Amino acid sequence: MKVTDKTSAGLTGVTGGAVRKTGLDKDLQNKVKSPLADLGSSASVDLSPRAQDIKRAKEIASQGLNDIDEDKVAKFQKLIDSGQYKVNARAVAEKMLDEHVGTLRAESDEE
């Protein structure tokens, strides 16, 4: 670890009233080490509940990344581009409500 002192610009000695710029002594540089060097494998971090939720959300979101059906994507892209893909808004809304109600039930069961 390189140690620099920007506030005193490496001034380490005073001789006859004049300041002598010497930088850090080599022995001192060898003795200085990172404050984290002694932690080794025993170091741990406690995450707040909010950070744990964010971590869990990232894990869940990344699980589905490898499950992309490229053929299905291409099929729907072609339908959308040609104007042939029609969305049944009622069916989408009903499914969204069903999922939301299911989530609310699961939350109330946990309590």
PDB file of N, CA and C in Angstrom:
ATOM      1  N   MET A   1       0.854  -1.176   0.000  1.00  0.00           N
ATOM      2  CA  MET A   1       0.000   0.000   0.000  1.00  0.00           C
ATOM      3  C   MET A   1       0.891   1.226   0.000  1.00  0.00           C
ATOM      4  N   LYS A   2       0.665   2.124  -0.880  1.00  0.00           N
ATOM      5  CA  LYS A   2       1.439   3.348  -0.959  1.00  0.00           C
ATOM      6  C   LYS A   2       0.805   4.392  -0.053  1.00  0.00           C
ATOM      7  N   VAL A   3       1.611   5.001   0.780  1.00  0.00           N
ATOM      8  CA  VAL A   3       1.111   6.013   1.707  1.00  0.00           C
ATOM      9  C   VAL A   3       1.603   7.365   1.235  1.00  0.00           C
ATOM     10  N   THR A   4       0.674   8.283   1.078  1.00  0.00           N
ATOM     11  CA  THR A   4       1.044   9.645   0.707  1.00  0.00           C
ATOM     12  C   THR A   4       0.362  10.601   1.666  1.00  0.00           C
ATOM     13  N   ASP A   5       1.039  11.672   1.963  1.00  0.00           N
ATOM     14  CA  ASP A   5       0.501  12.689   2.844  1.00  0.00           C
ATOM     15  C   ASP A   5       0.427  13.980   2.053  1.00  0.00           C
ATOM     16  N   LYS A   6      -0.719  14.257   1.478  1.00  0.00           N
ATOM     17  CA  LYS A   6      -0.869  15.433   0.632  1.00  0.00           C
ATOM     18  C   LYS A   6      -0.912  16.722   1.437  1.00  0.00           C
ATOM     19  N   THR A   7      -1.276  16.623   2.723  1.00  0.00           N
ATOM     20  CA  THR A   7      -1.375  17.849   3.511  1.00  0.00           C
ATOM     21  C   THR A   7      -0.017  18.412   3.860  1.00  0.00           C
ATOM     22  N   SER A   8       0.976  17.548   4.107  1.00  0.00           N
ATOM     23  CA  SER A   8       2.301  18.061   4.420  1.00  0.00           C
ATOM     24  C   SER A   8       3.283  17.800   3.290  1.00  0.00           C
ATOM     25  N   ALA A   9       2.812  17.277   2.184  1.00  0.00           N
ATOM     26  CA  ALA A   9       3.608  17.019   0.988  1.00  0.00           C
ATOM     27  C   ALA A   9       4.852  16.208   1.287  1.00  0.00           C
ATOM     28  N   GLY A  10       4.770  15.266   2.231  1.00  0.00           N
ATOM     29  CA  GLY A  10       5.884  14.380   2.520  1.00  0.00           C
ATOM     30  C   GLY A  10       6.987  15.010   3.341  1.00  0.00           C
ATOM     31  N   LEU A  11       6.713  16.099   4.037  1.00  0.00           N
ATOM     32  CA  LEU A  11       7.727  16.767   4.849  1.00  0.00           C
ATOM     33  C   LEU A  11       7.895  15.987   6.142  1.00  0.00           C
ATOM     34  N   THR A  12       9.119  15.493   6.387  1.00  0.00           N
ATOM     35  CA  THR A  12       9.303  14.664   7.579  1.00  0.00           C
ATOM     36  C   THR A  12      10.366  15.183   8.527  1.00  0.00           C
ATOM     37  N   GLY A  13      11.128  16.171   8.155  1.00  0.00           N
ATOM     38  CA  GLY A  13      12.184  16.608   9.067  1.00  0.00           C
ATOM     39  C   GLY A  13      12.374  18.109   9.048  1.00  0.00           C
ATOM     40  N   VAL A  14      12.878  18.626  10.111  1.00  0.00           N
ATOM     41  CA  VAL A  14      13.185  20.053  10.202  1.00  0.00           C
ATOM     42  C   VAL A  14      14.639  20.166  10.649  1.00  0.00           C
ATOM     43  N   THR A  15      15.441  20.888   9.860  1.00  0.00           N
ATOM     44  CA  THR A  15      16.850  21.085  10.242  1.00  0.00           C
ATOM     45  C   THR A  15      17.185  22.560  10.154  1.00  0.00           C
ATOM     46  N   GLY A  16      17.684  23.116  11.254  1.00  0.00           N
ATOM     47  CA  GLY A  16      18.086  24.514  11.280  1.00  0.00           C
ATOM     48  C   GLY A  16      16.984  25.469  10.894  1.00  0.00           C
ATOM     49  N   GLY A  17      15.757  25.149  11.244  1.00  0.00           N
ATOM     50  CA  GLY A  17      14.643  26.023  10.930  1.00  0.00           C
ATOM     51  C   GLY A  17      14.113  25.826   9.519  1.00  0.00           C
ATOM     52  N   ALA A  18      14.814  25.092   8.680  1.00  0.00           N
ATOM     53  CA  ALA A  18      14.348  24.851   7.312  1.00  0.00           C
ATOM     54  C   ALA A  18      13.705  23.473   7.243  1.00  0.00           C
ATOM     55  N   VAL A  19      12.689  23.373   6.497  1.00  0.00           N
ATOM     56  CA  VAL A  19      11.992  22.097   6.355  1.00  0.00           C
ATOM     57  C   VAL A  19      12.669  21.301   5.253  1.00  0.00           C
ATOM     58  N   ARG A  20      12.966  20.049   5.552  1.00  0.00           N
ATOM     59  CA  ARG A  20      13.622  19.173   4.595  1.00  0.00           C
ATOM     60  C   ARG A  20      12.590  18.176   4.074  1.00  0.00           C
ATOM     61  N   LYS A  21      12.401  18.097   2.752  1.00  0.00           N
ATOM     62  CA  LYS A  21      11.440  17.183   2.152  1.00  0.00           C
ATOM     63  C   LYS A  21      12.144  15.860   1.887  1.00  0.00           C
ATOM     64  N   THR A  22      11.743  14.828   2.651  1.00  0.00           N
ATOM     65  CA  THR A  22      12.412  13.540   2.507  1.00  0.00           C
ATOM     66  C   THR A  22      11.475  12.422   2.086  1.00  0.00           C
ATOM     67  N   GLY A  23      10.205  12.612   2.168  1.00  0.00           N
ATOM     68  CA  GLY A  23       9.273  11.514   1.883  1.00  0.00           C
ATOM     69  C   GLY A  23       9.240  10.559   3.050  1.00  0.00           C
ATOM     70  N   LEU A  24       8.554   9.451   2.901  1.00  0.00           N
ATOM     71  CA  LEU A  24       8.475   8.476   3.983  1.00  0.00           C
ATOM     72  C   LEU A  24       9.712   7.605   3.999  1.00  0.00           C
ATOM     73  N   ASP A  25      10.173   7.296   5.169  1.00  0.00           N
ATOM     74  CA  ASP A  25      11.300   6.398   5.360  1.00  0.00           C
ATOM     75  C   ASP A  25      10.937   5.009   4.821  1.00  0.00           C
ATOM     76  N   LYS A  26      11.864   4.340   4.152  1.00  0.00           N
ATOM     77  CA  LYS A  26      11.586   3.033   3.552  1.00  0.00           C
ATOM     78  C   LYS A  26      11.177   2.006   4.597  1.00  0.00           C
ATOM     79  N   ASP A  27      11.824   2.022   5.789  1.00  0.00           N
ATOM     80  CA  ASP A  27      11.450   1.071   6.836  1.00  0.00           C
ATOM     81  C   ASP A  27      10.015   1.305   7.280  1.00  0.00           C
ATOM     82  N   LEU A  28       9.626   2.568   7.375  1.00  0.00           N
ATOM     83  CA  LEU A  28       8.265   2.899   7.773  1.00  0.00           C
ATOM     84  C   LEU A  28       7.281   2.424   6.714  1.00  0.00           C
ATOM     85  N   GLN A  29       7.618   2.593   5.425  1.00  0.00           N
ATOM     86  CA  GLN A  29       6.742   2.137   4.349  1.00  0.00           C
ATOM     87  C   GLN A  29       6.524   0.631   4.429  1.00  0.00           C
ATOM     88  N   ASN A  30       7.566  -0.116   4.774  1.00  0.00           N
ATOM     89  CA  ASN A  30       7.447  -1.565   4.873  1.00  0.00           C
ATOM     90  C   ASN A  30       6.600  -1.985   6.069  1.00  0.00           C
ATOM     91  N   LYS A  31       6.560  -1.170   7.122  1.00  0.00           N
ATOM     92  CA  LYS A  31       5.791  -1.501   8.314  1.00  0.00           C
ATOM     93  C   LYS A  31       4.313  -1.157   8.173  1.00  0.00           C
ATOM     94  N   VAL A  32       4.002  -0.195   7.305  1.00  0.00           N
ATOM     95  CA  VAL A  32       2.622   0.243   7.126  1.00  0.00           C
ATOM     96  C   VAL A  32       1.902  -0.795   6.285  1.00  0.00           C
ATOM     97  N   LYS A  33       0.728  -1.240   6.742  1.00  0.00           N
ATOM     98  CA  LYS A  33      -0.058  -2.196   5.968  1.00  0.00           C
ATOM     99  C   LYS A  33      -1.525  -1.805   6.021  1.00  0.00           C
ATOM    100  N   SER A  34      -2.265  -2.433   5.191  1.00  0.00           N
ATOM    101  CA  SER A  34      -3.686  -2.136   5.105  1.00  0.00           C
ATOM    102  C   SER A  34      -4.368  -2.468   6.426  1.00  0.00           C
ATOM    103  N   PRO A  35      -5.328  -1.644   6.869  1.00  0.00           N
ATOM    104  CA  PRO A  35      -6.054  -1.956   8.097  1.00  0.00           C
ATOM    105  C   PRO A  35      -6.881  -3.228   7.961  1.00  0.00           C
ATOM    106  N   LEU A  36      -7.160  -3.663   6.741  1.00  0.00           N
ATOM    107  CA  LEU A  36      -7.946  -4.869   6.522  1.00  0.00           C
ATOM    108  C   LEU A  36      -7.083  -6.110   6.359  1.00  0.00           C
ATOM    109  N   ALA A  37      -5.759  -5.969   6.358  1.00  0.00           N
ATOM    110  CA  ALA A  37      -4.868  -7.093   6.087  1.00  0.00           C
ATOM    111  C   ALA A  37      -5.001  -8.193   7.132  1.00  0.00           C
ATOM    112  N   ASP A  38      -5.236  -7.857   8.393  1.00  0.00           N
ATOM    113  CA  ASP A  38      -5.310  -8.858   9.448  1.00  0.00           C
ATOM    114  C   ASP A  38      -6.685  -9.521   9.565  1.00  0.00           C
ATOM    115  N   LEU A  39      -7.664  -9.055   8.827  1.00  0.00           N
ATOM    116  CA  LEU A  39      -9.003  -9.617   8.942  1.00  0.00           C
ATOM    117  C   LEU A  39      -9.095 -11.018   8.366  1.00  0.00           C
ATOM    118  N   GLY A  40      -8.390 -11.268   7.273  1.00  0.00           N
ATOM    119  CA  GLY A  40      -8.381 -12.599   6.677  1.00  0.00           C
ATOM    120  C   GLY A  40      -9.773 -13.098   6.357  1.00  0.00           C
ATOM    121  N   SER A  41      -9.991 -14.379   6.586  1.00  0.00           N
ATOM    122  CA  SER A  41     -11.271 -14.988   6.230  1.00  0.00           C
ATOM    123  C   SER A  41     -12.317 -14.825   7.325  1.00  0.00           C
ATOM    124  N   SER A  42     -11.960 -14.216   8.445  1.00  0.00           N
ATOM    125  CA  SER A  42     -12.915 -14.065   9.533  1.00  0.00           C
ATOM    126  C   SER A  42     -13.791 -12.826   9.380  1.00  0.00           C
ATOM    127  N   ALA A  43     -13.562 -12.032   8.351  1.00  0.00           N
ATOM    128  CA  ALA A  43     -14.343 -10.809   8.160  1.00  0.00           C
ATOM    129  C   ALA A  43     -15.753 -11.157   7.728  1.00  0.00           C
ATOM    130  N   SER A  44     -16.720 -10.410   8.218  1.00  0.00           N
ATOM    131  CA  SER A  44     -18.108 -10.607   7.799  1.00  0.00           C
ATOM    132  C   SER A  44     -18.800  -9.258   7.723  1.00  0.00           C
ATOM    133  N   VAL A  45     -19.873  -9.240   6.977  1.00  0.00           N
ATOM    134  CA  VAL A  45     -20.651  -8.023   6.793  1.00  0.00           C
ATOM    135  C   VAL A  45     -22.095  -8.330   7.128  1.00  0.00           C
ATOM    136  N   ASP A  46     -22.717  -7.506   7.937  1.00  0.00           N
ATOM    137  CA  ASP A  46     -24.134  -7.650   8.242  1.00  0.00           C
ATOM    138  C   ASP A  46     -24.909  -6.674   7.377  1.00  0.00           C
ATOM    139  N   LEU A  47     -25.823  -7.207   6.577  1.00  0.00           N
ATOM    140  CA  LEU A  47     -26.621  -6.366   5.692  1.00  0.00           C
ATOM    141  C   LEU A  47     -27.908  -5.954   6.381  1.00  0.00           C
ATOM    142  N   SER A  48     -28.337  -4.731   6.122  1.00  0.00           N
ATOM    143  CA  SER A  48     -29.600  -4.253   6.652  1.00  0.00           C
ATOM    144  C   SER A  48     -30.730  -5.036   5.982  1.00  0.00           C
ATOM    145  N   PRO A  49     -31.906  -5.038   6.574  1.00  0.00           N
ATOM    146  CA  PRO A  49     -33.038  -5.735   5.928  1.00  0.00           C
ATOM    147  C   PRO A  49     -33.305  -5.212   4.518  1.00  0.00           C
ATOM    148  N   ARG A  50     -33.155  -3.919   4.320  1.00  0.00           N
ATOM    149  CA  ARG A  50     -33.360  -3.336   2.983  1.00  0.00           C
ATOM    150  C   ARG A  50     -32.330  -3.876   1.996  1.00  0.00           C
ATOM    151  N   ALA A  51     -31.071  -3.937   2.409  1.00  0.00           N
ATOM    152  CA  ALA A  51     -30.018  -4.464   1.541  1.00  0.00           C
ATOM    153  C   ALA A  51     -30.239  -5.941   1.254  1.00  0.00           C
ATOM    154  N   GLN A  52     -30.735  -6.685   2.238  1.00  0.00           N
ATOM    155  CA  GLN A  52     -31.039  -8.099   2.022  1.00  0.00           C
ATOM    156  C   GLN A  52     -32.158  -8.262   0.994  1.00  0.00           C
ATOM    157  N   ASP A  53     -33.180  -7.405   1.071  1.00  0.00           N
ATOM    158  CA  ASP A  53     -34.278  -7.450   0.096  1.00  0.00           C
ATOM    159  C   ASP A  53     -33.771  -7.156  -1.308  1.00  0.00           C
ATOM    160  N   ILE A  54     -32.900  -6.168  -1.435  1.00  0.00           N
ATOM    161  CA  ILE A  54     -32.337  -5.811  -2.743  1.00  0.00           C
ATOM    162  C   ILE A  54     -31.511  -6.971  -3.291  1.00  0.00           C
ATOM    163  N   LYS A  55     -30.707  -7.586  -2.435  1.00  0.00           N
ATOM    164  CA  LYS A  55     -29.890  -8.728  -2.853  1.00  0.00           C
ATOM    165  C   LYS A  55     -30.788  -9.869  -3.327  1.00  0.00           C
ATOM    166  N   ARG A  56     -31.837 -10.160  -2.576  1.00  0.00           N
ATOM    167  CA  ARG A  56     -32.772 -11.225  -2.935  1.00  0.00           C
ATOM    168  C   ARG A  56     -33.458 -10.918  -4.266  1.00  0.00           C
ATOM    169  N   ALA A  57     -33.854  -9.662  -4.480  1.00  0.00           N
ATOM    170  CA  ALA A  57     -34.505  -9.266  -5.729  1.00  0.00           C
ATOM    171  C   ALA A  57     -33.569  -9.440  -6.921  1.00  0.00           C
ATOM    172  N   LYS A  58     -32.296  -9.092  -6.741  1.00  0.00           N
ATOM    173  CA  LYS A  58     -31.313  -9.273  -7.818  1.00  0.00           C
ATOM    174  C   LYS A  58     -31.131 -10.751  -8.146  1.00  0.00           C
ATOM    175  N   GLU A  59     -31.098 -11.596  -7.113  1.00  0.00           N
ATOM    176  CA  GLU A  59     -30.945 -13.027  -7.337  1.00  0.00           C
ATOM    177  C   GLU A  59     -32.135 -13.583  -8.103  1.00  0.00           C
ATOM    178  N   ILE A  60     -33.332 -13.178  -7.717  1.00  0.00           N
ATOM    179  CA  ILE A  60     -34.541 -13.652  -8.389  1.00  0.00           C
ATOM    180  C   ILE A  60     -34.569 -13.170  -9.837  1.00  0.00           C
ATOM    181  N   ALA A  61     -34.221 -11.913 -10.050  1.00  0.00           N
ATOM    182  CA  ALA A  61     -34.237 -11.352 -11.401  1.00  0.00           C
ATOM    183  C   ALA A  61     -33.210 -12.023 -12.303  1.00  0.00           C
ATOM    184  N   SER A  62     -32.064 -12.401 -11.752  1.00  0.00           N
ATOM    185  CA  SER A  62     -31.016 -13.001 -12.579  1.00  0.00           C
ATOM    186  C   SER A  62     -31.275 -14.472 -12.862  1.00  0.00           C
ATOM    187  N   GLN A  63     -32.167 -15.116 -12.124  1.00  0.00           N
ATOM    188  CA  GLN A  63     -32.460 -16.533 -12.343  1.00  0.00           C
ATOM    189  C   GLN A  63     -33.060 -16.778 -13.721  1.00  0.00           C
ATOM    190  N   GLY A  64     -33.920 -15.910 -14.168  1.00  0.00           N
ATOM    191  CA  GLY A  64     -34.614 -16.114 -15.431  1.00  0.00           C
ATOM    192  C   GLY A  64     -33.837 -15.675 -16.656  1.00  0.00           C
ATOM    193  N   LEU A  65     -32.650 -15.107 -16.481  1.00  0.00           N
ATOM    194  CA  LEU A  65     -31.908 -14.588 -17.623  1.00  0.00           C
ATOM    195  C   LEU A  65     -31.470 -15.674 -18.595  1.00  0.00           C
ATOM    196  N   ASN A  66     -31.235 -16.870 -18.116  1.00  0.00           N
ATOM    197  CA  ASN A  66     -30.775 -17.953 -18.988  1.00  0.00           C
ATOM    198  C   ASN A  66     -31.925 -18.728 -19.603  1.00  0.00           C
ATOM    199  N   ASP A  67     -33.153 -18.399 -19.244  1.00  0.00           N
ATOM    200  CA  ASP A  67     -34.319 -19.140 -19.708  1.00  0.00           C
ATOM    201  C   ASP A  67     -35.021 -18.465 -20.877  1.00  0.00           C
ATOM    202  N   ILE A  68     -34.315 -17.690 -21.675  1.00  0.00           N
ATOM    203  CA  ILE A  68     -34.932 -16.965 -22.779  1.00  0.00           C
ATOM    204  C   ILE A  68     -35.072 -17.891 -23.971  1.00  0.00           C
ATOM    205  N   ASP A  69     -36.299 -18.002 -24.464  1.00  0.00           N
ATOM    206  CA  ASP A  69     -36.584 -18.823 -25.646  1.00  0.00           C
ATOM    207  C   ASP A  69     -36.443 -17.924 -26.877  1.00  0.00           C
ATOM    208  N   GLU A  70     -35.277 -18.003 -27.510  1.00  0.00           N
ATOM    209  CA  GLU A  70     -34.971 -17.125 -28.648  1.00  0.00           C
ATOM    210  C   GLU A  70     -35.956 -17.309 -29.799  1.00  0.00           C
ATOM    211  N   ASP A  71     -36.404 -18.533 -30.034  1.00  0.00           N
ATOM    212  CA  ASP A  71     -37.358 -18.788 -31.117  1.00  0.00           C
ATOM    213  C   ASP A  71     -38.693 -18.091 -30.837  1.00  0.00           C
ATOM    214  N   LYS A  72     -39.125 -18.148 -29.594  1.00  0.00           N
ATOM    215  CA  LYS A  72     -40.384 -17.505 -29.213  1.00  0.00           C
ATOM    216  C   LYS A  72     -40.270 -15.987 -29.331  1.00  0.00           C
ATOM    217  N   VAL A  73     -39.144 -15.455 -28.932  1.00  0.00           N
ATOM    218  CA  VAL A  73     -38.909 -14.012 -29.034  1.00  0.00           C
ATOM    219  C   VAL A  73     -38.955 -13.588 -30.503  1.00  0.00           C
ATOM    220  N   ALA A  74     -38.289 -14.338 -31.357  1.00  0.00           N
ATOM    221  CA  ALA A  74     -38.270 -14.017 -32.790  1.00  0.00           C
ATOM    222  C   ALA A  74     -39.676 -14.089 -33.379  1.00  0.00           C
ATOM    223  N   LYS A  75     -40.439 -15.102 -32.967  1.00  0.00           N
ATOM    224  CA  LYS A  75     -41.823 -15.264 -33.458  1.00  0.00           C
ATOM    225  C   LYS A  75     -42.673 -14.038 -33.100  1.00  0.00           C
ATOM    226  N   PHE A  76     -42.597 -13.627 -31.821  1.00  0.00           N
ATOM    227  CA  PHE A  76     -43.397 -12.480 -31.397  1.00  0.00           C
ATOM    228  C   PHE A  76     -42.879 -11.175 -31.999  1.00  0.00           C
ATOM    229  N   GLN A  77     -41.577 -11.065 -32.175  1.00  0.00           N
ATOM    230  CA  GLN A  77     -41.022  -9.859 -32.802  1.00  0.00           C
ATOM    231  C   GLN A  77     -41.546  -9.718 -34.221  1.00  0.00           C
ATOM    232  N   LYS A  78     -41.605 -10.835 -34.931  1.00  0.00           N
ATOM    233  CA  LYS A  78     -42.122 -10.830 -36.307  1.00  0.00           C
ATOM    234  C   LYS A  78     -43.598 -10.432 -36.329  1.00  0.00           C
ATOM    235  N   LEU A  79     -44.382 -10.974 -35.401  1.00  0.00           N
ATOM    236  CA  LEU A  79     -45.806 -10.630 -35.322  1.00  0.00           C
ATOM    237  C   LEU A  79     -46.018  -9.157 -34.987  1.00  0.00           C
ATOM    238  N   ILE A  80     -45.234  -8.653 -34.060  1.00  0.00           N
ATOM    239  CA  ILE A  80     -45.347  -7.244 -33.660  1.00  0.00           C
ATOM    240  C   ILE A  80     -44.977  -6.342 -34.824  1.00  0.00           C
ATOM    241  N   ASP A  81     -43.848  -6.650 -35.485  1.00  0.00           N
ATOM    242  CA  ASP A  81     -43.384  -5.822 -36.606  1.00  0.00           C
ATOM    243  C   ASP A  81     -44.386  -5.791 -37.753  1.00  0.00           C
ATOM    244  N   SER A  82     -45.083  -6.907 -37.959  1.00  0.00           N
ATOM    245  CA  SER A  82     -46.051  -6.965 -39.063  1.00  0.00           C
ATOM    246  C   SER A  82     -47.424  -6.433 -38.666  1.00  0.00           C
ATOM    247  N   GLY A  83     -47.601  -6.098 -37.382  1.00  0.00           N
ATOM    248  CA  GLY A  83     -48.879  -5.559 -36.925  1.00  0.00           C
ATOM    249  C   GLY A  83     -49.920  -6.630 -36.677  1.00  0.00           C
ATOM    250  N   GLN A  84     -49.518  -7.882 -36.665  1.00  0.00           N
ATOM    251  CA  GLN A  84     -50.459  -8.991 -36.478  1.00  0.00           C
ATOM    252  C   GLN A  84     -50.629  -9.404 -35.023  1.00  0.00           C
ATOM    253  N   TYR A  85     -49.788  -8.924 -34.143  1.00  0.00           N
ATOM    254  CA  TYR A  85     -49.878  -9.315 -32.733  1.00  0.00           C
ATOM    255  C   TYR A  85     -50.896  -8.422 -32.040  1.00  0.00           C
ATOM    256  N   LYS A  86     -51.943  -9.030 -31.542  1.00  0.00           N
ATOM    257  CA  LYS A  86     -52.999  -8.297 -30.843  1.00  0.00           C
ATOM    258  C   LYS A  86     -53.014  -8.714 -29.377  1.00  0.00           C
ATOM    259  N   VAL A  87     -53.071  -7.742 -28.516  1.00  0.00           N
ATOM    260  CA  VAL A  87     -53.069  -7.997 -27.072  1.00  0.00           C
ATOM    261  C   VAL A  87     -54.503  -7.980 -26.571  1.00  0.00           C
ATOM    262  N   ASN A  88     -54.867  -9.015 -25.827  1.00  0.00           N
ATOM    263  CA  ASN A  88     -56.176  -9.078 -25.199  1.00  0.00           C
ATOM    264  C   ASN A  88     -56.036  -8.375 -23.841  1.00  0.00           C
ATOM    265  N   ALA A  89     -56.353  -7.091 -23.824  1.00  0.00           N
ATOM    266  CA  ALA A  89     -56.158  -6.269 -22.630  1.00  0.00           C
ATOM    267  C   ALA A  89     -56.937  -6.814 -21.439  1.00  0.00           C
ATOM    268  N   ARG A  90     -58.123  -7.328 -21.675  1.00  0.00           N
ATOM    269  CA  ARG A  90     -58.939  -7.870 -20.587  1.00  0.00           C
ATOM    270  C   ARG A  90     -58.246  -9.072 -19.937  1.00  0.00           C
ATOM    271  N   ALA A  91     -57.698  -9.965 -20.750  1.00  0.00           N
ATOM    272  CA  ALA A  91     -57.016 -11.143 -20.217  1.00  0.00           C
ATOM    273  C   ALA A  91     -55.764 -10.740 -19.434  1.00  0.00           C
ATOM    274  N   VAL A  92     -55.043  -9.757 -19.936  1.00  0.00           N
ATOM    275  CA  VAL A  92     -53.847  -9.282 -19.239  1.00  0.00           C
ATOM    276  C   VAL A  92     -54.230  -8.679 -17.889  1.00  0.00           C
ATOM    277  N   ALA A  93     -55.265  -7.846 -17.874  1.00  0.00           N
ATOM    278  CA  ALA A  93     -55.703  -7.205 -16.635  1.00  0.00           C
ATOM    279  C   ALA A  93     -56.177  -8.246 -15.623  1.00  0.00           C
ATOM    280  N   GLU A  94     -56.922  -9.239 -16.080  1.00  0.00           N
ATOM    281  CA  GLU A  94     -57.408 -10.283 -15.172  1.00  0.00           C
ATOM    282  C   GLU A  94     -56.245 -11.074 -14.566  1.00  0.00           C
ATOM    283  N   LYS A  95     -55.257 -11.389 -15.393  1.00  0.00           N
ATOM    284  CA  LYS A  95     -54.096 -12.134 -14.886  1.00  0.00           C
ATOM    285  C   LYS A  95     -53.320 -11.294 -13.866  1.00  0.00           C
ATOM    286  N   MET A  96     -53.175 -10.005 -14.146  1.00  0.00           N
ATOM    287  CA  MET A  96     -52.473  -9.122 -13.204  1.00  0.00           C
ATOM    288  C   MET A  96     -53.214  -9.070 -11.866  1.00  0.00           C
ATOM    289  N   LEU A  97     -54.534  -8.961 -11.910  1.00  0.00           N
ATOM    290  CA  LEU A  97     -55.324  -8.926 -10.682  1.00  0.00           C
ATOM    291  C   LEU A  97     -55.222 -10.251  -9.925  1.00  0.00           C
ATOM    292  N   ASP A  98     -55.295 -11.368 -10.656  1.00  0.00           N
ATOM    293  CA  ASP A  98     -55.177 -12.680 -10.018  1.00  0.00           C
ATOM    294  C   ASP A  98     -53.832 -12.822  -9.299  1.00  0.00           C
ATOM    295  N   GLU A  99     -52.762 -12.399  -9.964  1.00  0.00           N
ATOM    296  CA  GLU A  99     -51.438 -12.480  -9.348  1.00  0.00           C
ATOM    297  C   GLU A  99     -51.343 -11.573  -8.126  1.00  0.00           C
ATOM    298  N   HIS A 100     -51.928 -10.378  -8.220  1.00  0.00           N
ATOM    299  CA  HIS A 100     -51.887  -9.441  -7.098  1.00  0.00           C
ATOM    300  C   HIS A 100     -52.672  -9.991  -5.909  1.00  0.00           C
ATOM    301  N   VAL A 101     -53.855 -10.531  -6.167  1.00  0.00           N
ATOM    302  CA  VAL A 101     -54.672 -11.093  -5.097  1.00  0.00           C
ATOM    303  C   VAL A 101     -53.950 -12.287  -4.477  1.00  0.00           C
ATOM    304  N   GLY A 102     -53.305 -13.096  -5.304  1.00  0.00           N
ATOM    305  CA  GLY A 102     -52.537 -14.232  -4.790  1.00  0.00           C
ATOM    306  C   GLY A 102     -51.409 -13.774  -3.885  1.00  0.00           C
ATOM    307  N   THR A 103     -50.752 -12.693  -4.242  1.00  0.00           N
ATOM    308  CA  THR A 103     -49.678 -12.133  -3.422  1.00  0.00           C
ATOM    309  C   THR A 103     -50.229 -11.638  -2.093  1.00  0.00           C
ATOM    310  N   LEU A 104     -51.369 -10.957  -2.138  1.00  0.00           N
ATOM    311  CA  LEU A 104     -51.983 -10.462  -0.905  1.00  0.00           C
ATOM    312  C   LEU A 104     -52.374 -11.615   0.012  1.00  0.00           C
ATOM    313  N   ARG A 105     -52.900 -12.691  -0.582  1.00  0.00           N
ATOM    314  CA  ARG A 105     -53.274 -13.862   0.244  1.00  0.00           C
ATOM    315  C   ARG A 105     -52.049 -14.493   0.886  1.00  0.00           C
ATOM    316  N   ALA A 106     -50.984 -14.613   0.128  1.00  0.00           N
ATOM    317  CA  ALA A 106     -49.752 -15.214   0.654  1.00  0.00           C
ATOM    318  C   ALA A 106     -49.195 -14.374   1.791  1.00  0.00           C
ATOM    319  N   GLU A 107     -49.263 -13.048   1.658  1.00  0.00           N
ATOM    320  CA  GLU A 107     -48.764 -12.160   2.707  1.00  0.00           C
ATOM    321  C   GLU A 107     -49.615 -12.273   3.970  1.00  0.00           C
ATOM    322  N   SER A 108     -50.939 -12.384   3.793  1.00  0.00           N
ATOM    323  CA  SER A 108     -51.812 -12.484   4.966  1.00  0.00           C
ATOM    324  C   SER A 108     -51.666 -13.841   5.636  1.00  0.00           C
ATOM    325  N   ASP A 109     -51.331 -14.880   4.896  1.00  0.00           N
ATOM    326  CA  ASP A 109     -51.105 -16.202   5.475  1.00  0.00           C
ATOM    327  C   ASP A 109     -49.836 -16.226   6.311  1.00  0.00           C
ATOM    328  N   GLU A 110     -48.846 -15.409   5.936  1.00  0.00           N
ATOM    329  CA  GLU A 110     -47.578 -15.353   6.662  1.00  0.00           C
ATOM    330  C   GLU A 110     -47.757 -14.703   8.028  1.00  0.00           C
ATOM    331  N   GLU A 111     -48.717 -13.825   8.152  1.00  0.00           N
ATOM    332  CA  GLU A 111     -48.925 -13.099   9.416  1.00  0.00           C
ATOM    333  C   GLU A 111     -49.615 -13.950  10.381  1.00  0.00           C
TER     334      GLU A 111
END
